[in-house]
Amino acid sequence: MEANNISIATTVPASRKLQANDAKELLSKAKTMTVAKGKKVQQFKGGKSATDEAVSAMLGSTGNLRAPTVVVGKTLLVGFNQAVFEEHFV
């Protein structure tokens, strides 16, 4: 993030486990969400159109919110994919 002069407003430590309720809250405030799991990238609608499938995609195998999770305006990015991050940050 520093390489692109992007400032981080809030950081949540890994010791604070965010789960399904936290994921639902984040997704309810977003217009769109992109979930990246390696090369697989999925798009979901947020807000009132959010589905259980979208919330499930946000969670890892332990039931915790996947990292990194980034809020960019009304867009939510979950997981890491280089191309997705470049699209939003470069």
PDB file of N, CA and C in Angstrom:
ATOM      1  N   MET A   1       0.813  -1.186   0.000  1.00  0.00           N
ATOM      2  CA  MET A   1       0.000   0.000   0.000  1.00  0.00           C
ATOM      3  C   MET A   1       0.868   1.267   0.000  1.00  0.00           C
ATOM      4  N   GLU A   2       1.969   1.189   0.756  1.00  0.00           N
ATOM      5  CA  GLU A   2       2.838   2.359   0.831  1.00  0.00           C
ATOM      6  C   GLU A   2       3.429   2.711  -0.531  1.00  0.00           C
ATOM      7  N   ALA A   3       3.701   1.701  -1.354  1.00  0.00           N
ATOM      8  CA  ALA A   3       4.299   1.931  -2.663  1.00  0.00           C
ATOM      9  C   ALA A   3       3.401   2.776  -3.560  1.00  0.00           C
ATOM     10  N   ASN A   4       2.096   2.728  -3.313  1.00  0.00           N
ATOM     11  CA  ASN A   4       1.148   3.500  -4.119  1.00  0.00           C
ATOM     12  C   ASN A   4       0.574   4.691  -3.359  1.00  0.00           C
ATOM     13  N   ASN A   5       1.235   5.064  -2.254  1.00  0.00           N
ATOM     14  CA  ASN A   5       0.803   6.204  -1.439  1.00  0.00           C
ATOM     15  C   ASN A   5      -0.650   6.090  -0.993  1.00  0.00           C
ATOM     16  N   ILE A   6      -1.032   4.899  -0.542  1.00  0.00           N
ATOM     17  CA  ILE A   6      -2.388   4.655  -0.043  1.00  0.00           C
ATOM     18  C   ILE A   6      -2.309   4.608   1.472  1.00  0.00           C
ATOM     19  N   SER A   7      -3.132   5.416   2.130  1.00  0.00           N
ATOM     20  CA  SER A   7      -3.132   5.402   3.583  1.00  0.00           C
ATOM     21  C   SER A   7      -4.213   4.451   4.085  1.00  0.00           C
ATOM     22  N   ILE A   8      -3.917   3.774   5.157  1.00  0.00           N
ATOM     23  CA  ILE A   8      -4.837   2.825   5.763  1.00  0.00           C
ATOM     24  C   ILE A   8      -5.537   3.527   6.914  1.00  0.00           C
ATOM     25  N   ALA A   9      -6.891   3.589   6.841  1.00  0.00           N
ATOM     26  CA  ALA A   9      -7.661   4.290   7.854  1.00  0.00           C
ATOM     27  C   ALA A   9      -7.835   3.450   9.118  1.00  0.00           C
ATOM     28  N   THR A  10      -8.091   2.158   8.969  1.00  0.00           N
ATOM     29  CA  THR A  10      -8.323   1.279  10.110  1.00  0.00           C
ATOM     30  C   THR A  10      -7.660  -0.062   9.864  1.00  0.00           C
ATOM     31  N   THR A  11      -6.974  -0.548  10.862  1.00  0.00           N
ATOM     32  CA  THR A  11      -6.371  -1.875  10.802  1.00  0.00           C
ATOM     33  C   THR A  11      -6.930  -2.697  11.949  1.00  0.00           C
ATOM     34  N   VAL A  12      -7.371  -3.902  11.643  1.00  0.00           N
ATOM     35  CA  VAL A  12      -7.877  -4.807  12.668  1.00  0.00           C
ATOM     36  C   VAL A  12      -6.848  -5.913  12.856  1.00  0.00           C
ATOM     37  N   PRO A  13      -6.357  -6.106  14.085  1.00  0.00           N
ATOM     38  CA  PRO A  13      -5.344  -7.140  14.301  1.00  0.00           C
ATOM     39  C   PRO A  13      -5.909  -8.542  14.066  1.00  0.00           C
ATOM     40  N   ALA A  14      -5.063  -9.464  13.653  1.00  0.00           N
ATOM     41  CA  ALA A  14      -5.473 -10.835  13.369  1.00  0.00           C
ATOM     42  C   ALA A  14      -6.017 -11.530  14.613  1.00  0.00           C
ATOM     43  N   SER A  15      -5.632 -11.063  15.791  1.00  0.00           N
ATOM     44  CA  SER A  15      -6.122 -11.679  17.027  1.00  0.00           C
ATOM     45  C   SER A  15      -7.616 -11.420  17.238  1.00  0.00           C
ATOM     46  N   ARG A  16      -8.150 -10.405  16.577  1.00  0.00           N
ATOM     47  CA  ARG A  16      -9.592 -10.131  16.659  1.00  0.00           C
ATOM     48  C   ARG A  16     -10.256 -10.882  15.511  1.00  0.00           C
ATOM     49  N   LYS A  17     -10.936 -11.949  15.840  1.00  0.00           N
ATOM     50  CA  LYS A  17     -11.543 -12.816  14.835  1.00  0.00           C
ATOM     51  C   LYS A  17     -12.896 -12.247  14.394  1.00  0.00           C
ATOM     52  N   LEU A  18     -13.002 -11.874  13.124  1.00  0.00           N
ATOM     53  CA  LEU A  18     -14.248 -11.380  12.566  1.00  0.00           C
ATOM     54  C   LEU A  18     -14.972 -12.552  11.916  1.00  0.00           C
ATOM     55  N   GLN A  19     -16.247 -12.727  12.250  1.00  0.00           N
ATOM     56  CA  GLN A  19     -16.983 -13.887  11.765  1.00  0.00           C
ATOM     57  C   GLN A  19     -18.173 -13.467  10.912  1.00  0.00           C
ATOM     58  N   ALA A  20     -19.127 -14.376  10.719  1.00  0.00           N
ATOM     59  CA  ALA A  20     -20.233 -14.168   9.781  1.00  0.00           C
ATOM     60  C   ALA A  20     -21.013 -12.891  10.068  1.00  0.00           C
ATOM     61  N   ASN A  21     -21.292 -12.583  11.313  1.00  0.00           N
ATOM     62  CA  ASN A  21     -22.048 -11.362  11.624  1.00  0.00           C
ATOM     63  C   ASN A  21     -21.281 -10.110  11.206  1.00  0.00           C
ATOM     64  N   ASP A  22     -19.975 -10.129  11.425  1.00  0.00           N
ATOM     65  CA  ASP A  22     -19.137  -9.002  11.016  1.00  0.00           C
ATOM     66  C   ASP A  22     -19.108  -8.891   9.495  1.00  0.00           C
ATOM     67  N   ALA A  23     -19.036 -10.039   8.815  1.00  0.00           N
ATOM     68  CA  ALA A  23     -19.032 -10.056   7.346  1.00  0.00           C
ATOM     69  C   ALA A  23     -20.333  -9.483   6.809  1.00  0.00           C
ATOM     70  N   LYS A  24     -21.467  -9.883   7.394  1.00  0.00           N
ATOM     71  CA  LYS A  24     -22.777  -9.368   6.962  1.00  0.00           C
ATOM     72  C   LYS A  24     -22.846  -7.860   7.117  1.00  0.00           C
ATOM     73  N   GLU A  25     -22.318  -7.359   8.227  1.00  0.00           N
ATOM     74  CA  GLU A  25     -22.337  -5.922   8.480  1.00  0.00           C
ATOM     75  C   GLU A  25     -21.514  -5.169   7.429  1.00  0.00           C
ATOM     76  N   LEU A  26     -20.320  -5.662   7.135  1.00  0.00           N
ATOM     77  CA  LEU A  26     -19.484  -5.026   6.108  1.00  0.00           C
ATOM     78  C   LEU A  26     -20.175  -5.052   4.750  1.00  0.00           C
ATOM     79  N   LEU A  27     -20.742  -6.200   4.394  1.00  0.00           N
ATOM     80  CA  LEU A  27     -21.379  -6.351   3.092  1.00  0.00           C
ATOM     81  C   LEU A  27     -22.634  -5.490   2.975  1.00  0.00           C
ATOM     82  N   SER A  28     -23.348  -5.283   4.070  1.00  0.00           N
ATOM     83  CA  SER A  28     -24.564  -4.468   4.027  1.00  0.00           C
ATOM     84  C   SER A  28     -24.256  -3.013   3.688  1.00  0.00           C
ATOM     85  N   LYS A  29     -23.035  -2.563   3.970  1.00  0.00           N
ATOM     86  CA  LYS A  29     -22.637  -1.178   3.698  1.00  0.00           C
ATOM     87  C   LYS A  29     -22.018  -1.001   2.315  1.00  0.00           C
ATOM     88  N   ALA A  30     -21.740  -2.115   1.640  1.00  0.00           N
ATOM     89  CA  ALA A  30     -21.076  -2.060   0.329  1.00  0.00           C
ATOM     90  C   ALA A  30     -22.101  -2.140  -0.796  1.00  0.00           C
ATOM     91  N   LYS A  31     -21.743  -1.571  -1.930  1.00  0.00           N
ATOM     92  CA  LYS A  31     -22.575  -1.682  -3.136  1.00  0.00           C
ATOM     93  C   LYS A  31     -22.199  -2.941  -3.907  1.00  0.00           C
ATOM     94  N   THR A  32     -20.891  -3.196  -4.004  1.00  0.00           N
ATOM     95  CA  THR A  32     -20.397  -4.394  -4.682  1.00  0.00           C
ATOM     96  C   THR A  32     -19.269  -5.007  -3.865  1.00  0.00           C
ATOM     97  N   MET A  33     -19.020  -6.289  -4.135  1.00  0.00           N
ATOM     98  CA  MET A  33     -17.940  -6.976  -3.455  1.00  0.00           C
ATOM     99  C   MET A  33     -17.235  -7.899  -4.440  1.00  0.00           C
ATOM    100  N   THR A  34     -15.922  -7.931  -4.339  1.00  0.00           N
ATOM    101  CA  THR A  34     -15.107  -8.848  -5.116  1.00  0.00           C
ATOM    102  C   THR A  34     -14.397  -9.770  -4.136  1.00  0.00           C
ATOM    103  N   VAL A  35     -14.551 -11.077  -4.349  1.00  0.00           N
ATOM    104  CA  VAL A  35     -13.890 -12.067  -3.501  1.00  0.00           C
ATOM    105  C   VAL A  35     -12.865 -12.793  -4.356  1.00  0.00           C
ATOM    106  N   ALA A  36     -11.633 -12.788  -3.906  1.00  0.00           N
ATOM    107  CA  ALA A  36     -10.553 -13.462  -4.625  1.00  0.00           C
ATOM    108  C   ALA A  36     -10.029 -14.614  -3.783  1.00  0.00           C
ATOM    109  N   LYS A  37      -9.987 -15.777  -4.405  1.00  0.00           N
ATOM    110  CA  LYS A  37      -9.395 -16.960  -3.778  1.00  0.00           C
ATOM    111  C   LYS A  37      -8.391 -17.488  -4.793  1.00  0.00           C
ATOM    112  N   GLY A  38      -7.145 -17.036  -4.689  1.00  0.00           N
ATOM    113  CA  GLY A  38      -6.134 -17.380  -5.688  1.00  0.00           C
ATOM    114  C   GLY A  38      -6.493 -16.729  -7.015  1.00  0.00           C
ATOM    115  N   LYS A  39      -6.597 -17.526  -8.070  1.00  0.00           N
ATOM    116  CA  LYS A  39      -6.937 -16.987  -9.393  1.00  0.00           C
ATOM    117  C   LYS A  39      -8.437 -16.875  -9.595  1.00  0.00           C
ATOM    118  N   LYS A  40      -9.228 -17.505  -8.708  1.00  0.00           N
ATOM    119  CA  LYS A  40     -10.685 -17.459  -8.815  1.00  0.00           C
ATOM    120  C   LYS A  40     -11.193 -16.138  -8.226  1.00  0.00           C
ATOM    121  N   VAL A  41     -11.947 -15.387  -9.028  1.00  0.00           N
ATOM    122  CA  VAL A  41     -12.491 -14.101  -8.599  1.00  0.00           C
ATOM    123  C   VAL A  41     -14.001 -14.123  -8.816  1.00  0.00           C
ATOM    124  N   GLN A  42     -14.748 -13.772  -7.766  1.00  0.00           N
ATOM    125  CA  GLN A  42     -16.199 -13.727  -7.848  1.00  0.00           C
ATOM    126  C   GLN A  42     -16.694 -12.332  -7.518  1.00  0.00           C
ATOM    127  N   GLN A  43     -17.783 -11.934  -8.166  1.00  0.00           N
ATOM    128  CA  GLN A  43     -18.411 -10.640  -7.919  1.00  0.00           C
ATOM    129  C   GLN A  43     -19.760 -10.870  -7.240  1.00  0.00           C
ATOM    130  N   PHE A  44     -20.097 -10.025  -6.271  1.00  0.00           N
ATOM    131  CA  PHE A  44     -21.369 -10.107  -5.569  1.00  0.00           C
ATOM    132  C   PHE A  44     -21.931  -8.708  -5.381  1.00  0.00           C
ATOM    133  N   LYS A  45     -23.247  -8.626  -5.221  1.00  0.00           N
ATOM    134  CA  LYS A  45     -23.900  -7.368  -4.876  1.00  0.00           C
ATOM    135  C   LYS A  45     -23.930  -7.255  -3.360  1.00  0.00           C
ATOM    136  N   GLY A  46     -23.865  -6.034  -2.888  1.00  0.00           N
ATOM    137  CA  GLY A  46     -23.928  -5.783  -1.458  1.00  0.00           C
ATOM    138  C   GLY A  46     -25.256  -5.163  -1.078  1.00  0.00           C
ATOM    139  N   GLY A  47     -25.268  -4.494   0.054  1.00  0.00           N
ATOM    140  CA  GLY A  47     -26.477  -3.830   0.528  1.00  0.00           C
ATOM    141  C   GLY A  47     -27.587  -4.823   0.803  1.00  0.00           C
ATOM    142  N   LYS A  48     -28.806  -4.432   0.471  1.00  0.00           N
ATOM    143  CA  LYS A  48     -29.975  -5.277   0.707  1.00  0.00           C
ATOM    144  C   LYS A  48     -30.021  -6.470  -0.242  1.00  0.00           C
ATOM    145  N   SER A  49     -29.241  -6.427  -1.311  1.00  0.00           N
ATOM    146  CA  SER A  49     -29.193  -7.522  -2.284  1.00  0.00           C
ATOM    147  C   SER A  49     -28.213  -8.620  -1.883  1.00  0.00           C
ATOM    148  N   ALA A  50     -27.525  -8.456  -0.757  1.00  0.00           N
ATOM    149  CA  ALA A  50     -26.517  -9.417  -0.326  1.00  0.00           C
ATOM    150  C   ALA A  50     -27.154 -10.776  -0.040  1.00  0.00           C
ATOM    151  N   THR A  51     -26.461 -11.831  -0.443  1.00  0.00           N
ATOM    152  CA  THR A  51     -26.966 -13.189  -0.256  1.00  0.00           C
ATOM    153  C   THR A  51     -26.129 -13.941   0.771  1.00  0.00           C
ATOM    154  N   ASP A  52     -26.666 -15.060   1.242  1.00  0.00           N
ATOM    155  CA  ASP A  52     -25.901 -15.917   2.144  1.00  0.00           C
ATOM    156  C   ASP A  52     -24.678 -16.480   1.438  1.00  0.00           C
ATOM    157  N   GLU A  53     -24.792 -16.702   0.124  1.00  0.00           N
ATOM    158  CA  GLU A  53     -23.654 -17.191  -0.661  1.00  0.00           C
ATOM    159  C   GLU A  53     -22.510 -16.176  -0.628  1.00  0.00           C
ATOM    160  N   ALA A  54     -22.848 -14.896  -0.708  1.00  0.00           N
ATOM    161  CA  ALA A  54     -21.831 -13.849  -0.669  1.00  0.00           C
ATOM    162  C   ALA A  54     -21.133 -13.828   0.686  1.00  0.00           C
ATOM    163  N   VAL A  55     -21.911 -13.923   1.753  1.00  0.00           N
ATOM    164  CA  VAL A  55     -21.320 -13.935   3.092  1.00  0.00           C
ATOM    165  C   VAL A  55     -20.431 -15.160   3.255  1.00  0.00           C
ATOM    166  N   SER A  56     -20.888 -16.294   2.784  1.00  0.00           N
ATOM    167  CA  SER A  56     -20.106 -17.526   2.862  1.00  0.00           C
ATOM    168  C   SER A  56     -18.782 -17.397   2.118  1.00  0.00           C
ATOM    169  N   ALA A  57     -18.792 -16.718   0.974  1.00  0.00           N
ATOM    170  CA  ALA A  57     -17.571 -16.529   0.182  1.00  0.00           C
ATOM    171  C   ALA A  57     -16.554 -15.659   0.919  1.00  0.00           C
ATOM    172  N   MET A  58     -17.017 -14.830   1.825  1.00  0.00           N
ATOM    173  CA  MET A  58     -16.142 -13.950   2.582  1.00  0.00           C
ATOM    174  C   MET A  58     -15.384 -14.673   3.685  1.00  0.00           C
ATOM    175  N   LEU A  59     -15.847 -15.854   4.058  1.00  0.00           N
ATOM    176  CA  LEU A  59     -15.292 -16.571   5.197  1.00  0.00           C
ATOM    177  C   LEU A  59     -14.326 -17.656   4.766  1.00  0.00           C
ATOM    178  N   GLY A  60     -13.297 -17.844   5.554  1.00  0.00           N
ATOM    179  CA  GLY A  60     -12.343 -18.910   5.294  1.00  0.00           C
ATOM    180  C   GLY A  60     -12.812 -20.214   5.908  1.00  0.00           C
ATOM    181  N   SER A  61     -11.988 -21.228   5.851  1.00  0.00           N
ATOM    182  CA  SER A  61     -12.344 -22.557   6.362  1.00  0.00           C
ATOM    183  C   SER A  61     -12.574 -22.572   7.873  1.00  0.00           C
ATOM    184  N   THR A  62     -12.019 -21.612   8.585  1.00  0.00           N
ATOM    185  CA  THR A  62     -12.198 -21.538  10.040  1.00  0.00           C
ATOM    186  C   THR A  62     -13.467 -20.795  10.434  1.00  0.00           C
ATOM    187  N   GLY A  63     -14.149 -20.210   9.449  1.00  0.00           N
ATOM    188  CA  GLY A  63     -15.354 -19.428   9.737  1.00  0.00           C
ATOM    189  C   GLY A  63     -15.069 -17.975  10.019  1.00  0.00           C
ATOM    190  N   ASN A  64     -13.816 -17.584   9.884  1.00  0.00           N
ATOM    191  CA  ASN A  64     -13.423 -16.191  10.103  1.00  0.00           C
ATOM    192  C   ASN A  64     -13.319 -15.455   8.775  1.00  0.00           C
ATOM    193  N   LEU A  65     -13.469 -14.136   8.830  1.00  0.00           N
ATOM    194  CA  LEU A  65     -13.358 -13.297   7.646  1.00  0.00           C
ATOM    195  C   LEU A  65     -11.981 -13.473   7.022  1.00  0.00           C
ATOM    196  N   ARG A  66     -11.952 -13.665   5.702  1.00  0.00           N
ATOM    197  CA  ARG A  66     -10.692 -13.860   4.993  1.00  0.00           C
ATOM    198  C   ARG A  66      -9.904 -12.556   4.952  1.00  0.00           C
ATOM    199  N   ALA A  67      -8.596 -12.688   4.875  1.00  0.00           N
ATOM    200  CA  ALA A  67      -7.729 -11.521   4.820  1.00  0.00           C
ATOM    201  C   ALA A  67      -6.985 -11.524   3.498  1.00  0.00           C
ATOM    202  N   PRO A  68      -6.650 -10.376   2.998  1.00  0.00           N
ATOM    203  CA  PRO A  68      -7.053  -9.076   3.506  1.00  0.00           C
ATOM    204  C   PRO A  68      -8.497  -8.766   3.110  1.00  0.00           C
ATOM    205  N   THR A  69      -9.120  -7.932   3.902  1.00  0.00           N
ATOM    206  CA  THR A  69     -10.437  -7.382   3.570  1.00  0.00           C
ATOM    207  C   THR A  69     -10.264  -5.874   3.525  1.00  0.00           C
ATOM    208  N   VAL A  70     -10.627  -5.290   2.387  1.00  0.00           N
ATOM    209  CA  VAL A  70     -10.383  -3.869   2.167  1.00  0.00           C
ATOM    210  C   VAL A  70     -11.683  -3.201   1.725  1.00  0.00           C
ATOM    211  N   VAL A  71     -11.980  -2.059   2.323  1.00  0.00           N
ATOM    212  CA  VAL A  71     -13.129  -1.255   1.915  1.00  0.00           C
ATOM    213  C   VAL A  71     -12.595  -0.062   1.133  1.00  0.00           C
ATOM    214  N   VAL A  72     -13.043   0.055  -0.123  1.00  0.00           N
ATOM    215  CA  VAL A  72     -12.655   1.164  -0.988  1.00  0.00           C
ATOM    216  C   VAL A  72     -13.946   1.850  -1.416  1.00  0.00           C
ATOM    217  N   GLY A  73     -14.295   2.937  -0.732  1.00  0.00           N
ATOM    218  CA  GLY A  73     -15.573   3.597  -1.024  1.00  0.00           C
ATOM    219  C   GLY A  73     -16.717   2.646  -0.718  1.00  0.00           C
ATOM    220  N   LYS A  74     -17.524   2.330  -1.713  1.00  0.00           N
ATOM    221  CA  LYS A  74     -18.656   1.408  -1.561  1.00  0.00           C
ATOM    222  C   LYS A  74     -18.322   0.019  -2.109  1.00  0.00           C
ATOM    223  N   THR A  75     -17.033  -0.244  -2.330  1.00  0.00           N
ATOM    224  CA  THR A  75     -16.590  -1.540  -2.844  1.00  0.00           C
ATOM    225  C   THR A  75     -15.842  -2.279  -1.744  1.00  0.00           C
ATOM    226  N   LEU A  76     -16.132  -3.562  -1.625  1.00  0.00           N
ATOM    227  CA  LEU A  76     -15.489  -4.407  -0.637  1.00  0.00           C
ATOM    228  C   LEU A  76     -14.641  -5.432  -1.380  1.00  0.00           C
ATOM    229  N   LEU A  77     -13.370  -5.528  -1.011  1.00  0.00           N
ATOM    230  CA  LEU A  77     -12.453  -6.503  -1.603  1.00  0.00           C
ATOM    231  C   LEU A  77     -12.072  -7.500  -0.519  1.00  0.00           C
ATOM    232  N   VAL A  78     -12.268  -8.791  -0.794  1.00  0.00           N
ATOM    233  CA  VAL A  78     -11.960  -9.831   0.180  1.00  0.00           C
ATOM    234  C   VAL A  78     -11.007 -10.823  -0.463  1.00  0.00           C
ATOM    235  N   GLY A  79      -9.906 -11.120   0.221  1.00  0.00           N
ATOM    236  CA  GLY A  79      -8.895 -12.003  -0.340  1.00  0.00           C
ATOM    237  C   GLY A  79      -7.946 -11.219  -1.224  1.00  0.00           C
ATOM    238  N   PHE A  80      -6.938 -11.906  -1.732  1.00  0.00           N
ATOM    239  CA  PHE A  80      -5.945 -11.198  -2.535  1.00  0.00           C
ATOM    240  C   PHE A  80      -5.832 -11.790  -3.931  1.00  0.00           C
ATOM    241  N   ASN A  81      -5.846 -10.900  -4.897  1.00  0.00           N
ATOM    242  CA  ASN A  81      -5.570 -11.219  -6.294  1.00  0.00           C
ATOM    243  C   ASN A  81      -4.868  -9.988  -6.853  1.00  0.00           C
ATOM    244  N   GLN A  82      -3.669 -10.151  -7.376  1.00  0.00           N
ATOM    245  CA  GLN A  82      -2.862  -9.022  -7.841  1.00  0.00           C
ATOM    246  C   GLN A  82      -3.614  -8.146  -8.837  1.00  0.00           C
ATOM    247  N   ALA A  83      -4.274  -8.752  -9.817  1.00  0.00           N
ATOM    248  CA  ALA A  83      -4.982  -7.984 -10.845  1.00  0.00           C
ATOM    249  C   ALA A  83      -6.115  -7.158 -10.246  1.00  0.00           C
ATOM    250  N   VAL A  84      -6.834  -7.716  -9.297  1.00  0.00           N
ATOM    251  CA  VAL A  84      -7.936  -6.989  -8.651  1.00  0.00           C
ATOM    252  C   VAL A  84      -7.397  -5.800  -7.880  1.00  0.00           C
ATOM    253  N   PHE A  85      -6.325  -6.008  -7.133  1.00  0.00           N
ATOM    254  CA  PHE A  85      -5.758  -4.899  -6.359  1.00  0.00           C
ATOM    255  C   PHE A  85      -5.213  -3.806  -7.280  1.00  0.00           C
ATOM    256  N   GLU A  86      -4.564  -4.197  -8.358  1.00  0.00           N
ATOM    257  CA  GLU A  86      -4.070  -3.199  -9.311  1.00  0.00           C
ATOM    258  C   GLU A  86      -5.202  -2.404  -9.918  1.00  0.00           C
ATOM    259  N   GLU A  87      -6.301  -3.054 -10.194  1.00  0.00           N
ATOM    260  CA  GLU A  87      -7.479  -2.377 -10.766  1.00  0.00           C
ATOM    261  C   GLU A  87      -7.998  -1.290  -9.832  1.00  0.00           C
ATOM    262  N   HIS A  88      -7.934  -1.520  -8.535  1.00  0.00           N
ATOM    263  CA  HIS A  88      -8.488  -0.571  -7.567  1.00  0.00           C
ATOM    264  C   HIS A  88      -7.479   0.398  -6.998  1.00  0.00           C
ATOM    265  N   PHE A  89      -6.191   0.070  -7.049  1.00  0.00           N
ATOM    266  CA  PHE A  89      -5.212   0.896  -6.362  1.00  0.00           C
ATOM    267  C   PHE A  89      -4.133   1.514  -7.219  1.00  0.00           C
ATOM    268  N   VAL A  90      -3.969   1.080  -8.436  1.00  0.00           N
ATOM    269  CA  VAL A  90      -2.871   1.617  -9.254  1.00  0.00           C
ATOM    270  C   VAL A  90      -3.411   2.545 -10.316  1.00  0.00           C
TER     271      VAL A  90
END
